[in-house]
Amino acid sequence: MLLNRKSANSQLGFTLIEVMITVVIIAILAAIAMPTYTNYIKRSNIKAAQSDLVTLGLVYENFYQRNLSYPSTSYTSTATLKSDFAQWSPTKEDFFEFSTTTTSDHKSYTLTATAKNSTNLKGCVLSINEKNARTATSCNGVTW
């Protein structure tokens, strides 16, 4: 009596057609998922830059509380901002360049985050002022 004996024609693996169908299904899923994931990453970087601007705004407001005026210097780079305001440390300085402008009477300011050209957010500009007016330009549909 022969029990559990496999026939000579039994299949031991996958056919080429089965493998090709699996590869096509994976390719379709990847084609749908990758743009969605890329968009998610862009939006999260923009939201983090917005948070960095709000934090810098709080630093400016703290400065105003102590001096009854905003800083007299308009900063053009993230590095100079970080050196003068050690309590502020942006999380997205690899993606955005932060700058500020202050009016001559030191009673108002505008804080700006501009996407660096080396990122996939090129052209995105975020800003906030002392009245908490916020703008987002060319930022992948993200608004404040």
Foldseek 3Di string as FASTA:
>chain_A
DDPPDDDPPDDDDDDPVVVVVVVVVVVVVCVVVVVVVVLVVLVVLVVLVVVLQVVVLVVQVVVCVVPVFGDQDKFDFPVVVCVVRVVRDRPNNVFWTKIKDADNVRHKIKIKTAGDPVDPQHPWMWMAMNVRDIAIDSRSPDGD
